C-alpha atoms as a PDB file:
ATOM      1  CA  MET A   1     -25.260 -61.230  -2.231  1.00  0.00           C
ATOM      2  CA  LYS A   2     -23.736 -58.779  -0.302  1.00  0.00           C
ATOM      3  CA  LEU A   3     -20.511 -57.103   0.462  1.00  0.00           C
ATOM      4  CA  ARG A   4     -19.204 -54.763   2.972  1.00  0.00           C
ATOM      5  CA  ILE A   5     -17.528 -51.839   0.806  1.00  0.00           C
ATOM      6  CA  THR A   6     -15.405 -49.199   2.436  1.00  0.00           C
ATOM      7  CA  GLU A   7     -15.092 -47.325  -0.784  1.00  0.00           C
ATOM      8  CA  VAL A   8     -15.592 -47.322  -4.808  1.00  0.00           C
ATOM      9  CA  PHE A   9     -13.890 -44.898  -6.685  1.00  0.00           C
ATOM     10  CA  TYR A  10     -11.697 -44.106 -10.022  1.00  0.00           C
ATOM     11  CA  SER A  11      -8.208 -43.321 -10.337  1.00  0.00           C
ATOM     12  CA  LEU A  12      -4.777 -43.884 -11.522  1.00  0.00           C
ATOM     13  CA  GLN A  13      -3.674 -47.889 -10.477  1.00  0.00           C
ATOM     14  CA  GLY A  14      -0.628 -47.047  -8.070  1.00  0.00           C
ATOM     15  CA  GLU A  15       0.678 -49.660  -8.837  1.00  0.00           C
ATOM     16  CA  SER A  16       0.727 -53.939 -10.793  1.00  0.00           C
ATOM     17  CA  ARG A  17       1.842 -54.353 -13.803  1.00  0.00           C
ATOM     18  CA  THR A  18      -1.219 -51.644 -15.070  1.00  0.00           C
ATOM     19  CA  ILE A  19       0.278 -48.949 -12.919  1.00  0.00           C
ATOM     20  CA  GLY A  20      -1.001 -45.643 -14.500  1.00  0.00           C
ATOM     21  CA  LEU A  21      -3.310 -47.021 -16.032  1.00  0.00           C
ATOM     22  CA  PRO A  22      -7.093 -45.359 -14.688  1.00  0.00           C
ATOM     23  CA  THR A  23      -8.901 -47.950 -12.839  1.00  0.00           C
ATOM     24  CA  VAL A  24     -12.161 -48.629 -10.662  1.00  0.00           C
ATOM     25  CA  PHE A  25     -11.073 -49.522  -7.323  1.00  0.00           C
ATOM     26  CA  ILE A  26     -13.561 -51.346  -5.164  1.00  0.00           C
ATOM     27  CA  ARG A  27     -12.494 -51.600  -1.858  1.00  0.00           C
ATOM     28  CA  LEU A  28     -13.729 -54.141   0.337  1.00  0.00           C
ATOM     29  CA  THR A  29     -14.105 -53.886   4.474  1.00  0.00           C
ATOM     30  CA  GLY A  30     -12.469 -55.887   6.799  1.00  0.00           C
ATOM     31  CA  CYS A  31      -8.538 -57.595   7.102  1.00  0.00           C
ATOM     32  CA  PRO A  32      -7.735 -60.609   9.472  1.00  0.00           C
ATOM     33  CA  LEU A  33      -3.562 -59.520   9.138  1.00  0.00           C
ATOM     34  CA  ARG A  34      -2.185 -56.562  10.792  1.00  0.00           C
ATOM     35  CA  CYS A  35       0.464 -55.469   8.958  1.00  0.00           C
ATOM     36  CA  GLN A  36       3.113 -53.238  10.791  1.00  0.00           C
ATOM     37  CA  TYR A  37       3.355 -50.678   7.439  1.00  0.00           C
ATOM     38  CA  CYS A  38      -0.545 -51.059   6.120  1.00  0.00           C
ATOM     39  CA  ASP A  39      -1.576 -47.895   4.881  1.00  0.00           C
ATOM     40  CA  THR A  40      -5.641 -48.650   4.261  1.00  0.00           C
ATOM     41  CA  THR A  41      -6.434 -49.283   8.284  1.00  0.00           C
ATOM     42  CA  TYR A  42      -9.573 -47.122   7.796  1.00  0.00           C
ATOM     43  CA  ALA A  43     -10.766 -49.958   5.668  1.00  0.00           C
ATOM     44  CA  PHE A  44     -10.606 -52.556   8.440  1.00  0.00           C
ATOM     45  CA  LYS A  45     -13.810 -51.551   9.912  1.00  0.00           C
ATOM     46  CA  GLY A  46     -16.995 -49.509   8.926  1.00  0.00           C
ATOM     47  CA  GLY A  47     -17.576 -49.572   5.276  1.00  0.00           C
ATOM     48  CA  GLU A  48     -21.196 -49.707   3.371  1.00  0.00           C
ATOM     49  CA  ILE A  49     -23.648 -52.897   2.754  1.00  0.00           C
ATOM     50  CA  MET A  50     -23.856 -53.350  -0.546  1.00  0.00           C
ATOM     51  CA  ALA A  51     -26.102 -55.476  -3.129  1.00  0.00           C
ATOM     52  CA  LEU A  52     -23.859 -57.223  -5.796  1.00  0.00           C
ATOM     53  CA  GLU A  53     -26.107 -54.947  -8.722  1.00  0.00           C
ATOM     54  CA  ALA A  54     -24.998 -51.363  -6.707  1.00  0.00           C
ATOM     55  CA  ILE A  55     -21.784 -51.814  -6.567  1.00  0.00           C
ATOM     56  CA  MET A  56     -21.835 -53.007 -10.504  1.00  0.00           C
ATOM     57  CA  ALA A  57     -23.746 -50.063 -10.947  1.00  0.00           C
ATOM     58  CA  LYS A  58     -21.271 -48.243  -9.614  1.00  0.00           C
ATOM     59  CA  VAL A  59     -18.399 -49.286 -11.720  1.00  0.00           C
ATOM     60  CA  ALA A  60     -20.128 -48.572 -14.326  1.00  0.00           C
ATOM     61  CA  SER A  61     -20.909 -45.061 -14.373  1.00  0.00           C
ATOM     62  CA  TYR A  62     -17.174 -44.851 -14.476  1.00  0.00           C
ATOM     63  CA  ASN A  63     -17.209 -46.456 -17.925  1.00  0.00           C
ATOM     64  CA  PRO A  64     -13.889 -48.270 -17.066  1.00  0.00           C
ATOM     65  CA  ARG A  65     -12.100 -50.776 -18.923  1.00  0.00           C
ATOM     66  CA  HIS A  66      -9.777 -51.766 -15.595  1.00  0.00           C
ATOM     67  CA  VAL A  67     -11.001 -52.321 -11.940  1.00  0.00           C
ATOM     68  CA  CYS A  68      -9.251 -53.530  -8.913  1.00  0.00           C
ATOM     69  CA  VAL A  69     -10.693 -55.349  -5.861  1.00  0.00           C
ATOM     70  CA  THR A  70      -8.675 -54.528  -2.802  1.00  0.00           C
ATOM     71  CA  GLY A  71      -8.921 -53.903   0.892  1.00  0.00           C
ATOM     72  CA  GLY A  72      -8.536 -54.601   3.816  1.00  0.00           C
ATOM     73  CA  GLU A  73      -8.552 -57.794   2.679  1.00  0.00           C
ATOM     74  CA  PRO A  74     -11.268 -58.578  -0.004  1.00  0.00           C
ATOM     75  CA  LEU A  75     -11.113 -62.951   0.162  1.00  0.00           C
ATOM     76  CA  ALA A  76     -12.096 -62.460   3.764  1.00  0.00           C
ATOM     77  CA  GLN A  77     -15.909 -61.730   2.216  1.00  0.00           C
ATOM     78  CA  PRO A  78     -17.329 -64.978   0.632  1.00  0.00           C
ATOM     79  CA  ASP A  79     -18.798 -62.938  -2.192  1.00  0.00           C
ATOM     80  CA  CYS A  80     -16.097 -61.524  -3.499  1.00  0.00           C
ATOM     81  CA  ILE A  81     -15.423 -64.927  -5.211  1.00  0.00           C
ATOM     82  CA  PRO A  82     -18.569 -64.333  -7.050  1.00  0.00           C
ATOM     83  CA  LEU A  83     -18.201 -60.626  -7.408  1.00  0.00           C
ATOM     84  CA  LEU A  84     -15.146 -61.393  -9.477  1.00  0.00           C
ATOM     85  CA  VAL A  85     -16.959 -63.264 -11.854  1.00  0.00           C
ATOM     86  CA  GLU A  86     -19.300 -60.983 -12.640  1.00  0.00           C
ATOM     87  CA  LEU A  87     -16.283 -58.397 -13.203  1.00  0.00           C
ATOM     88  CA  CYS A  88     -14.736 -60.613 -15.430  1.00  0.00           C
ATOM     89  CA  ASP A  89     -18.442 -61.688 -17.604  1.00  0.00           C
ATOM     90  CA  LYS A  90     -19.203 -57.652 -17.599  1.00  0.00           C
ATOM     91  CA  GLY A  91     -15.530 -57.604 -20.307  1.00  0.00           C
ATOM     92  CA  TYR A  92     -13.398 -55.420 -17.383  1.00  0.00           C
ATOM     93  CA  GLU A  93     -10.188 -56.049 -17.112  1.00  0.00           C
ATOM     94  CA  VAL A  94      -9.808 -57.142 -13.450  1.00  0.00           C
ATOM     95  CA  SER A  95      -7.261 -57.456 -10.892  1.00  0.00           C
ATOM     96  CA  LEU A  96      -7.047 -58.486  -7.316  1.00  0.00           C
ATOM     97  CA  GLU A  97      -4.958 -57.228  -4.607  1.00  0.00           C
ATOM     98  CA  THR A  98      -4.562 -60.400  -1.778  1.00  0.00           C
ATOM     99  CA  SER A  99      -2.214 -60.764   1.106  1.00  0.00           C
ATOM    100  CA  GLY A 100      -1.380 -63.624  -0.092  1.00  0.00           C
ATOM    101  CA  ALA A 101      -2.919 -65.456   3.447  1.00  0.00           C
ATOM    102  CA  LEU A 102      -6.153 -66.762   2.306  1.00  0.00           C
ATOM    103  CA  ASP A 103      -6.842 -69.152   0.072  1.00  0.00           C
ATOM    104  CA  ILE A 104      -6.823 -68.435  -3.849  1.00  0.00           C
ATOM    105  CA  SER A 105      -7.884 -71.327  -5.504  1.00  0.00           C
ATOM    106  CA  LYS A 106     -11.678 -70.591  -6.156  1.00  0.00           C
ATOM    107  CA  THR A 107     -11.102 -66.935  -7.947  1.00  0.00           C
ATOM    108  CA  ASP A 108     -11.590 -66.670 -11.828  1.00  0.00           C
ATOM    109  CA  THR A 109      -8.812 -67.269 -13.278  1.00  0.00           C
ATOM    110  CA  ARG A 110      -9.535 -64.223 -16.065  1.00  0.00           C
ATOM    111  CA  VAL A 111      -8.383 -62.516 -12.776  1.00  0.00           C
ATOM    112  CA  SER A 112      -4.894 -61.244 -12.490  1.00  0.00           C
ATOM    113  CA  ARG A 113      -4.092 -62.056  -8.732  1.00  0.00           C
ATOM    114  CA  VAL A 114      -1.652 -59.860  -7.021  1.00  0.00           C
ATOM    115  CA  VAL A 115      -0.222 -61.973  -4.535  1.00  0.00           C
ATOM    116  CA  ASP A 116       2.000 -60.747  -1.709  1.00  0.00           C
ATOM    117  CA  PHE A 117       4.335 -62.694   0.149  1.00  0.00           C
ATOM    118  CA  LYS A 118       4.839 -60.873   3.731  1.00  0.00           C
ATOM    119  CA  THR A 119       8.483 -60.590   4.672  1.00  0.00           C
ATOM    120  CA  PRO A 120      10.094 -60.653   8.149  1.00  0.00           C
ATOM    121  CA  ASP A 121       9.565 -57.259   8.978  1.00  0.00           C
ATOM    122  CA  SER A 122       5.727 -57.395   7.841  1.00  0.00           C
ATOM    123  CA  GLN A 123       5.442 -59.063  11.304  1.00  0.00           C
ATOM    124  CA  GLU A 124       3.052 -61.204   9.246  1.00  0.00           C
ATOM    125  CA  MET A 125       5.277 -63.695   7.727  1.00  0.00           C
ATOM    126  CA  ASN A 126       3.259 -66.912   9.503  1.00  0.00           C
ATOM    127  CA  ARG A 127       0.342 -65.759   7.730  1.00  0.00           C
ATOM    128  CA  ASN A 128       1.779 -67.006   4.213  1.00  0.00           C
ATOM    129  CA  LEU A 129      -0.323 -69.408   2.941  1.00  0.00           C
ATOM    130  CA  TYR A 130       1.911 -71.035   0.506  1.00  0.00           C
ATOM    131  CA  GLU A 131      -0.198 -73.670  -0.848  1.00  0.00           C
ATOM    132  CA  ASN A 132      -1.146 -70.485  -3.370  1.00  0.00           C
ATOM    133  CA  VAL A 133       1.699 -70.703  -4.956  1.00  0.00           C
ATOM    134  CA  ASP A 134       0.431 -74.137  -6.436  1.00  0.00           C
ATOM    135  CA  PHE A 135      -2.533 -71.939  -8.279  1.00  0.00           C
ATOM    136  CA  LEU A 136      -0.843 -69.387  -9.491  1.00  0.00           C
ATOM    137  CA  THR A 137      -0.771 -68.697 -13.484  1.00  0.00           C
ATOM    138  CA  LYS A 138       1.103 -66.139 -15.767  1.00  0.00           C
ATOM    139  CA  ASN A 139      -2.141 -63.636 -15.217  1.00  0.00           C
ATOM    140  CA  ASP A 140      -0.793 -63.699 -11.874  1.00  0.00           C
ATOM    141  CA  GLN A 141       1.434 -60.952  -9.967  1.00  0.00           C
ATOM    142  CA  VAL A 142       4.032 -61.553  -7.016  1.00  0.00           C
ATOM    143  CA  LYS A 143       4.490 -58.495  -4.874  1.00  0.00           C
ATOM    144  CA  PHE A 144       7.493 -58.250  -1.901  1.00  0.00           C
ATOM    145  CA  VAL A 145       6.875 -54.947   0.218  1.00  0.00           C
ATOM    146  CA  ILE A 146      10.832 -54.621   1.296  1.00  0.00           C
ATOM    147  CA  CYS A 147      11.199 -52.620   4.789  1.00  0.00           C
ATOM    148  CA  SER A 148      15.282 -53.491   5.279  1.00  0.00           C
ATOM    149  CA  LYS A 149      18.352 -55.484   3.960  1.00  0.00           C
ATOM    150  CA  ASN A 150      16.798 -58.634   5.322  1.00  0.00           C
ATOM    151  CA  ASP A 151      13.925 -58.379   3.891  1.00  0.00           C
ATOM    152  CA  TYR A 152      15.116 -58.354   0.517  1.00  0.00           C
ATOM    153  CA  ASP A 153      17.633 -61.496   0.894  1.00  0.00           C
ATOM    154  CA  TRP A 154      14.445 -63.197   1.882  1.00  0.00           C
ATOM    155  CA  ALA A 155      12.443 -62.416  -0.871  1.00  0.00           C
ATOM    156  CA  LYS A 156      15.035 -63.570  -3.420  1.00  0.00           C
ATOM    157  CA  THR A 157      15.129 -67.328  -1.307  1.00  0.00           C
ATOM    158  CA  LYS A 158      11.348 -67.445  -1.803  1.00  0.00           C
ATOM    159  CA  LEU A 159      12.175 -66.251  -5.359  1.00  0.00           C
ATOM    160  CA  ILE A 160      14.340 -69.486  -5.802  1.00  0.00           C
ATOM    161  CA  GLN A 161      12.433 -71.698  -3.036  1.00  0.00           C
ATOM    162  CA  TYR A 162       8.783 -72.058  -5.099  1.00  0.00           C
ATOM    163  CA  ASN A 163      10.576 -71.333  -8.392  1.00  0.00           C
ATOM    164  CA  LEU A 164       8.167 -67.540  -8.864  1.00  0.00           C
ATOM    165  CA  THR A 165       9.863 -66.344 -12.373  1.00  0.00           C
ATOM    166  CA  GLU A 166       8.797 -69.558 -14.159  1.00  0.00           C
ATOM    167  CA  ARG A 167       4.828 -69.581 -12.092  1.00  0.00           C
ATOM    168  CA  VAL A 168       4.695 -65.801 -13.137  1.00  0.00           C
ATOM    169  CA  ASN A 169       5.675 -62.754 -15.437  1.00  0.00           C
ATOM    170  CA  GLU A 170       5.419 -60.364 -12.976  1.00  0.00           C
ATOM    171  CA  ILE A 171       7.671 -59.937  -9.738  1.00  0.00           C
ATOM    172  CA  ILE A 172       7.097 -56.818  -8.006  1.00  0.00           C
ATOM    173  CA  PHE A 173       9.280 -55.372  -5.184  1.00  0.00           C
ATOM    174  CA  SER A 174       8.867 -52.306  -3.471  1.00  0.00           C
ATOM    175  CA  PRO A 175      10.252 -49.790  -1.160  1.00  0.00           C
ATOM    176  CA  SER A 176       8.153 -49.778   2.438  1.00  0.00           C
ATOM    177  CA  TYR A 177       7.208 -46.217   2.434  1.00  0.00           C
ATOM    178  CA  GLN A 178       9.645 -43.992   4.462  1.00  0.00           C
ATOM    179  CA  GLN A 179      11.516 -47.691   5.795  1.00  0.00           C
ATOM    180  CA  VAL A 180      13.778 -48.260   3.143  1.00  0.00           C
ATOM    181  CA  LYS A 181      15.524 -45.928   0.732  1.00  0.00           C
ATOM    182  CA  ALA A 182      13.930 -46.578  -2.727  1.00  0.00           C
ATOM    183  CA  GLN A 183      17.418 -45.994  -4.436  1.00  0.00           C
ATOM    184  CA  ALA A 184      18.469 -48.704  -2.068  1.00  0.00           C
ATOM    185  CA  LEU A 185      16.366 -51.327  -3.091  1.00  0.00           C
ATOM    186  CA  ALA A 186      17.076 -50.486  -6.733  1.00  0.00           C
ATOM    187  CA  ASP A 187      20.652 -50.520  -5.905  1.00  0.00           C
ATOM    188  CA  TRP A 188      20.293 -53.906  -4.387  1.00  0.00           C
ATOM    189  CA  ILE A 189      18.409 -55.164  -7.205  1.00  0.00           C
ATOM    190  CA  VAL A 190      20.720 -53.833 -10.320  1.00  0.00           C
ATOM    191  CA  ALA A 191      23.529 -55.485  -8.748  1.00  0.00           C
ATOM    192  CA  ASP A 192      22.092 -59.122  -8.090  1.00  0.00           C
ATOM    193  CA  ASN A 193      20.284 -59.077 -11.668  1.00  0.00           C
ATOM    194  CA  LEU A 194      17.495 -59.839 -10.186  1.00  0.00           C
ATOM    195  CA  PRO A 195      14.059 -60.919 -12.772  1.00  0.00           C
ATOM    196  CA  VAL A 196      12.197 -58.494 -11.006  1.00  0.00           C
ATOM    197  CA  ARG A 197      10.518 -55.156 -11.661  1.00  0.00           C
ATOM    198  CA  PHE A 198      10.990 -52.600  -8.812  1.00  0.00           C
ATOM    199  CA  GLN A 199       8.150 -50.152  -7.960  1.00  0.00           C
ATOM    200  CA  LEU A 200       7.236 -47.303  -6.382  1.00  0.00           C
ATOM    201  CA  GLN A 201       3.441 -46.710  -5.158  1.00  0.00           C
ATOM    202  CA  LEU A 202       1.956 -43.531  -7.876  1.00  0.00           C
ATOM    203  CA  HIS A 203      -0.263 -42.884  -5.442  1.00  0.00           C
ATOM    204  CA  LYS A 204       2.024 -42.207  -2.585  1.00  0.00           C
ATOM    205  CA  ILE A 205       4.183 -39.809  -5.234  1.00  0.00           C
ATOM    206  CA  LEU A 206       1.078 -37.852  -6.283  1.00  0.00           C
ATOM    207  CA  TRP A 207      -1.677 -37.548  -3.652  1.00  0.00           C
ATOM    208  CA  ASN A 208       0.490 -38.411  -0.450  1.00  0.00           C
ATOM    209  CA  ASP A 209      -1.670 -41.770  -0.080  1.00  0.00           C
ATOM    210  CA  GLU A 210      -4.708 -39.825   0.701  1.00  0.00           C
ATOM    211  CA  PRO A 211      -8.348 -42.365   0.820  1.00  0.00           C
ATOM    212  CA  GLY A 212      -9.934 -42.053  -2.169  1.00  0.00           C
ATOM    213  CA  HIS A 213      -6.765 -42.323  -4.548  1.00  0.00           C
END
């Protein structure tokens, strides 16, 4: 069992429910989407083929509590599914960052799945696999990267259409880096009293989004 890996590194989680917690990141190579705001284009190709045992040994060397499987799009590699199971079996708190364009139904429900809803301005809205909503649990998270007021208004309709506040405990609205003012998004959320978490990406603030952080 092998996967193509761009990097395995230890840092602070920059977003999601566990923001600020020390976390090992396993970044899988490859992604079928091309979101216009993507900040990990270096993970589209290349990488290193690693056996599952080697990945697990690398993770264990950091002695972490939290592990995040990310990409690229991790679920584009079928062996991501057994990787997630193995991580959970080892007792780690595991999260999966996924685009929302691929089926999440076979992923271990012990994993907190951070599922994107691609907005109109992402340029990949048509890739949203809305059937995934049926598999969301209270352990999962839904994220909207907001690029404009139009994106924000669209995201509000999805909250209602898919009853997301009842399906998951964590809904994240994050401003697209340098595309919408963070204060503007914060003001919209407050004005509408939305039951969502506003979130800035911590790694961009601390390390200017350098790879390996």
